[in-house]
Amino acid sequence: MPDSVKTIHIISLADLRYEANLHRKTRALATAGFDVHLLAYAENNRVLKYWRGVSVTPLKQFFVRGPLRFLEFFVRALLYLIRTKAERVVVYDVYPLAIVRFMQLLRRRLRFIYDSVELATEIESIVARPLRKWFWGKWEQWGIRGAAATVAVCHSDARFIENLYPFIGGVKVVRNIPELSNMLEVASKLPDYYFTRTGKVGIYQGALMQGRGVELIIRAMTNVVGFNLLIVGDGAMRKALEQESVNRNLQERIGSSW
């Protein structure tokens, strides 16, 4: 049975525990009246309570790293697309891109948007490895040809993608920023002196994981006077970053939603 015009399927290799950006986008679509279906990894069912209003097909990882991890995801994503007969899809990040493009060749009614999230060939785990960089570059180049639209999180990323693939006809920008209500809630829990001691407050919002540079920001804080930091996020490096701030005696200058 064909999808309703209000049904959107989002395909992602992401771990739902750390995906604030994806969470905001699914909420926005659901609030706008769309029936949102999401295929992504969920380590346990407890995380699903934060995704209310979205129909989640949670995946459990049998392979956590290496080529088998991607192969497992590719097969399961392909089976999902066949089973659901999806016709409107958002490809979140580069990894599902060529799989959805392949399905589009088999099912002409399928239309998809490519949400690049980041510059796929420039991330830390790929940029210094020529074979990986070549493979994912070709994967993205072939897959992006079928996209009805391409989205990036900032104008510099959009220009990079446009220059790399001039045939796509432009990239739209949808910024990754926290909801104001969430920011105010975090701010209300911080001690008054945090905002009154200085007028200069920097904000990091995003996943606390390797490659994001948060540990470098914390280390740099020891050399900066009259500046505080607010961290809004969670992830695998949370405990290490907490300890880093303690080791450098920065607890009173770094506020967080930890």
Protein backbone atom coordinates (compact mmCIF):
# COMPACT_ATOMS: atom_id res chain seq x y z
CA MET A 1 0.00 0.00 0.00
CA PRO A 2 1.53 3.40 -0.96
CA ASP A 3 2.56 5.90 1.71
CA SER A 4 0.26 8.71 2.71
CA VAL A 5 1.51 12.09 1.47
CA LYS A 6 2.09 12.95 5.13
CA THR A 7 4.35 9.95 5.80
CA ILE A 8 8.12 10.48 5.99
CA HIS A 9 10.72 7.79 6.64
CA ILE A 10 14.09 8.81 8.11
CA ILE A 11 16.99 6.37 7.67
CA SER A 12 20.03 6.81 9.91
CA LEU A 13 23.05 4.92 11.22
CA ALA A 14 23.03 7.21 14.26
CA ASP A 15 22.77 6.13 17.89
CA LEU A 16 19.60 7.72 19.27
CA ARG A 17 21.25 8.34 22.66
CA TYR A 18 23.38 11.13 21.18
CA GLU A 19 21.27 12.61 18.38
CA ALA A 20 19.91 15.98 19.53
CA ASN A 21 20.00 17.31 15.95
CA LEU A 22 17.96 14.40 14.59
CA HIS A 23 15.60 14.62 17.58
CA ARG A 24 14.79 18.28 16.85
CA LYS A 25 14.17 17.58 13.18
CA THR A 26 11.83 14.65 13.84
CA ARG A 27 9.95 16.75 16.43
CA ALA A 28 9.59 19.60 13.95
CA LEU A 29 8.19 17.26 11.29
CA ALA A 30 5.81 15.58 13.76
CA THR A 31 4.62 18.96 15.05
CA ALA A 32 3.94 20.02 11.46
CA GLY A 33 1.55 17.09 11.12
CA PHE A 34 3.76 14.53 9.39
CA ASP A 35 3.66 10.83 10.26
CA VAL A 36 7.37 10.29 10.98
CA HIS A 37 8.94 6.82 10.83
CA LEU A 38 12.56 6.49 11.97
CA LEU A 39 15.02 3.64 11.42
CA ALA A 40 18.07 4.06 13.68
CA TYR A 41 20.12 2.37 16.36
CA ALA A 42 18.85 2.27 19.95
CA GLU A 43 21.10 0.54 22.46
CA ASN A 44 18.12 -0.08 24.74
CA ASN A 45 14.41 0.69 24.78
CA ARG A 46 14.75 3.28 27.56
CA VAL A 47 15.93 5.88 25.04
CA LEU A 48 12.69 5.54 23.07
CA LYS A 49 10.73 7.54 25.66
CA TYR A 50 12.48 10.68 24.37
CA TRP A 51 11.21 10.00 20.84
CA ARG A 52 7.47 10.14 21.53
CA GLY A 53 5.40 11.19 18.56
CA VAL A 54 7.77 9.34 16.22
CA SER A 55 7.37 5.73 15.10
CA VAL A 56 10.82 4.27 15.77
CA THR A 57 12.10 1.00 14.35
CA PRO A 58 15.04 0.45 16.75
CA LEU A 59 18.08 -1.50 15.59
CA LYS A 60 20.46 -3.35 17.86
CA GLN A 61 24.06 -3.64 16.71
CA PHE A 62 25.57 -7.10 16.37
CA PHE A 63 28.76 -5.59 14.94
CA VAL A 64 29.91 -2.39 16.64
CA ARG A 65 32.83 -1.48 14.36
CA GLY A 66 34.51 -2.24 11.07
CA PRO A 67 33.10 -3.13 7.63
CA LEU A 68 30.65 -5.68 9.06
CA ARG A 69 28.90 -2.90 10.99
CA PHE A 70 28.17 -1.04 7.76
CA LEU A 71 27.25 -4.20 5.86
CA GLU A 72 24.77 -5.15 8.60
CA PHE A 73 23.19 -1.70 8.45
CA PHE A 74 23.00 -1.67 4.65
CA VAL A 75 21.14 -4.99 4.57
CA ARG A 76 18.72 -4.00 7.31
CA ALA A 77 18.05 -0.59 5.76
CA LEU A 78 17.36 -2.21 2.40
CA LEU A 79 14.93 -4.70 3.97
CA TYR A 80 13.20 -1.84 5.82
CA LEU A 81 12.70 0.12 2.60
CA ILE A 82 11.32 -2.96 0.84
CA ARG A 83 8.97 -3.85 3.71
CA THR A 84 7.59 -0.35 4.26
CA LYS A 85 7.40 0.56 0.55
CA ALA A 86 8.66 3.99 1.55
CA GLU A 87 8.15 6.74 -1.02
CA ARG A 88 9.31 9.85 0.91
CA VAL A 89 12.63 9.43 2.71
CA VAL A 90 15.12 11.62 4.56
CA VAL A 91 18.64 10.19 4.36
CA TYR A 92 20.35 11.32 7.56
CA ASP A 93 24.14 11.35 7.04
CA VAL A 94 26.07 9.78 4.20
CA TYR A 95 25.92 6.12 5.22
CA PRO A 96 22.39 5.21 4.03
CA LEU A 97 22.68 7.42 0.92
CA ALA A 98 23.60 4.91 -1.80
CA ILE A 99 21.17 2.31 -0.37
CA VAL A 100 18.24 4.70 -0.76
CA ARG A 101 19.49 5.74 -4.20
CA PHE A 102 19.59 2.05 -5.22
CA MET A 103 15.99 1.60 -4.05
CA GLN A 104 15.00 4.69 -6.02
CA LEU A 105 16.22 3.03 -9.21
CA LEU A 106 13.96 0.07 -8.44
CA ARG A 107 10.99 2.15 -7.27
CA ARG A 108 10.65 5.30 -9.33
CA ARG A 109 8.05 6.80 -6.97
CA LEU A 110 10.62 7.06 -4.17
CA ARG A 111 11.85 10.61 -3.49
CA PHE A 112 14.43 11.52 -0.88
CA ILE A 113 16.18 14.44 0.80
CA TYR A 114 19.84 14.10 1.72
CA ASP A 115 20.67 15.65 5.11
CA SER A 116 24.47 15.71 5.01
CA VAL A 117 24.78 16.49 8.78
CA GLU A 118 28.55 16.98 8.33
CA LEU A 119 31.17 16.89 5.59
CA ALA A 120 31.40 13.13 5.19
CA THR A 121 34.86 12.93 3.63
CA GLU A 122 36.41 15.48 6.03
CA ILE A 123 35.64 13.91 9.42
CA GLU A 124 38.50 12.69 11.61
CA SER A 125 38.02 8.96 10.99
CA ILE A 126 38.08 9.38 7.18
CA VAL A 127 40.07 12.44 6.11
CA ALA A 128 43.52 10.95 6.88
CA ARG A 129 42.74 7.57 5.27
CA PRO A 130 42.89 7.84 1.47
CA LEU A 131 41.07 4.57 0.70
CA ARG A 132 38.18 5.37 3.07
CA LYS A 133 38.02 8.93 1.79
CA TRP A 134 37.85 7.72 -1.82
CA PHE A 135 35.18 5.10 -1.06
CA TRP A 136 32.83 7.39 0.88
CA GLY A 137 33.42 10.18 -1.64
CA LYS A 138 32.27 7.92 -4.50
CA TRP A 139 29.39 6.62 -2.34
CA GLU A 140 28.18 10.18 -1.71
CA GLN A 141 28.75 11.30 -5.31
CA TRP A 142 26.62 8.51 -6.72
CA GLY A 143 23.91 8.69 -4.08
CA ILE A 144 23.46 12.46 -4.09
CA ARG A 145 22.51 12.42 -7.78
CA GLY A 146 19.10 11.04 -6.86
CA ALA A 147 18.31 13.53 -4.09
CA ALA A 148 15.36 15.88 -4.58
CA ALA A 149 17.14 18.30 -2.23
CA THR A 150 20.31 18.43 -0.13
CA VAL A 151 20.58 19.98 3.34
CA ALA A 152 23.61 21.17 5.35
CA VAL A 153 23.91 22.60 8.87
CA CYS A 154 25.75 25.81 7.89
CA HIS A 155 26.59 27.94 4.86
CA SER A 156 30.27 26.90 4.76
CA ASP A 157 29.26 23.22 4.55
CA ALA A 158 26.67 24.08 1.90
CA ARG A 159 29.29 25.88 -0.25
CA PHE A 160 31.71 22.96 0.13
CA ILE A 161 29.12 20.45 -1.07
CA GLU A 162 27.98 22.72 -3.92
CA ASN A 163 31.58 23.08 -5.13
CA LEU A 164 32.14 19.33 -4.83
CA TYR A 165 28.95 18.41 -6.70
CA PRO A 166 27.98 21.38 -8.92
CA PHE A 167 25.34 19.25 -10.67
CA ILE A 168 23.00 19.15 -7.64
CA GLY A 169 21.71 22.70 -8.10
CA GLY A 170 22.23 24.13 -4.60
CA VAL A 171 22.16 23.13 -0.93
CA LYS A 172 19.68 24.37 1.67
CA VAL A 173 20.83 25.31 5.20
CA VAL A 174 18.98 23.99 8.27
CA ARG A 175 20.97 24.96 11.33
CA ASN A 176 21.67 22.64 14.26
CA ILE A 177 20.74 24.84 17.23
CA PRO A 178 19.11 23.99 20.56
CA GLU A 179 15.50 24.87 21.29
CA LEU A 180 15.24 28.07 23.31
CA SER A 181 13.07 26.43 25.99
CA ASN A 182 15.76 23.78 26.61
CA MET A 183 18.51 26.39 26.85
CA LEU A 184 16.50 28.42 29.37
CA GLU A 185 15.87 25.30 31.44
CA VAL A 186 19.61 24.52 31.57
CA ALA A 187 20.45 28.15 32.36
CA SER A 188 17.95 28.24 35.23
CA LYS A 189 19.85 25.44 36.99
CA LEU A 190 23.19 27.26 36.95
CA PRO A 191 24.33 29.36 39.96
CA ASP A 192 23.73 33.11 39.64
CA TYR A 193 27.43 33.94 39.76
CA TYR A 194 27.97 32.00 36.55
CA PHE A 195 26.29 34.72 34.49
CA THR A 196 26.94 37.77 36.72
CA ARG A 197 30.69 37.31 37.16
CA THR A 198 31.39 38.07 33.51
CA GLY A 199 29.39 39.07 30.47
CA LYS A 200 31.30 36.65 28.25
CA VAL A 201 29.79 33.16 28.00
CA GLY A 202 30.64 30.67 25.27
CA ILE A 203 28.26 27.80 24.44
CA TYR A 204 29.03 24.35 23.08
CA GLN A 205 25.93 22.41 22.08
CA GLY A 206 26.24 18.91 20.66
CA ALA A 207 27.45 15.37 21.27
CA LEU A 208 30.32 14.82 23.69
CA MET A 209 32.37 12.46 21.59
CA GLN A 210 35.81 12.09 20.05
CA GLY A 211 36.62 14.52 17.28
CA ARG A 212 34.39 17.38 18.51
CA GLY A 213 37.26 19.26 20.19
CA VAL A 214 35.51 19.89 23.51
CA GLU A 215 38.56 18.74 25.48
CA LEU A 216 40.66 21.33 23.60
CA ILE A 217 38.19 24.08 24.56
CA ILE A 218 38.43 23.06 28.23
CA ARG A 219 42.24 23.07 28.12
CA ALA A 220 42.26 26.49 26.44
CA MET A 221 40.07 27.87 29.25
CA THR A 222 43.11 27.92 31.56
CA ASN A 223 44.68 30.59 29.34
CA VAL A 224 41.56 32.75 28.91
CA VAL A 225 40.54 35.37 31.49
CA GLY A 226 36.97 36.66 31.99
CA PHE A 227 35.24 33.94 30.01
CA ASN A 228 32.89 31.12 31.06
CA LEU A 229 31.70 28.07 29.15
CA LEU A 230 28.28 26.43 28.97
CA ILE A 231 28.17 22.85 27.65
CA VAL A 232 24.80 21.46 26.53
CA GLY A 233 25.06 17.82 25.52
CA ASP A 234 25.94 14.28 26.46
CA GLY A 235 27.96 11.41 25.04
CA ALA A 236 30.71 8.86 25.48
CA MET A 237 33.32 11.46 26.58
CA ARG A 238 31.18 13.05 29.27
CA LYS A 239 33.05 11.56 32.28
CA ALA A 240 36.46 12.29 30.78
CA LEU A 241 35.49 15.91 30.13
CA GLU A 242 34.11 16.29 33.64
CA GLN A 243 37.42 15.01 35.02
CA GLU A 244 39.37 17.33 32.72
CA SER A 245 37.53 20.36 34.11
CA VAL A 246 38.20 19.15 37.69
CA ASN A 247 41.89 18.53 36.99
CA ARG A 248 42.24 22.11 35.73
CA ASN A 249 40.16 23.66 38.55
CA LEU A 250 37.57 25.00 36.13
CA GLN A 251 34.40 23.76 37.84
CA GLU A 252 33.23 27.29 38.64
CA ARG A 253 33.78 28.49 35.07
CA ILE A 254 32.21 25.58 33.19
CA GLY A 255 28.47 25.04 33.48
CA SER A 256 26.76 22.09 31.85
CA SER A 257 23.62 20.02 31.49
CA TRP A 258 25.57 16.92 32.65
